[in-house]
């Protein structure tokens, strides 16, 4: 198993309690420092954050895998994986989060009733 590296986009909707950025970074580091596959890491991060009672969690991971760069197809392609929990499992919310990530200079809001 060879390493992979990339970025993680994380969104959550608080349910009264707001987490500091350092807690979110520690959560990502907890799973990313292990011998791990990208899809499981993405799922584990979403599951643990959702277990803290938030309304919803979205985790999108995009990474380059050294197994693809060093052997096999030998290209610089990246692989994306995503996990959605709670309110972000709804199609409209998923699309909203993906639009925010693809267009960071624009602001998208949805009204929750």
Foldseek 3Di string as FASTA:
>chain_A
DFAKDFDKDKDFAADPDDDDPVVLVVLLCVLRVDPDDPQVSQVSSQVVVVVVPTQKMKMKTKIFTVCCCPDDVNDRHIDMDMDIDHPCVDPVNVVQVVVCVVCVVDDDDDDDD
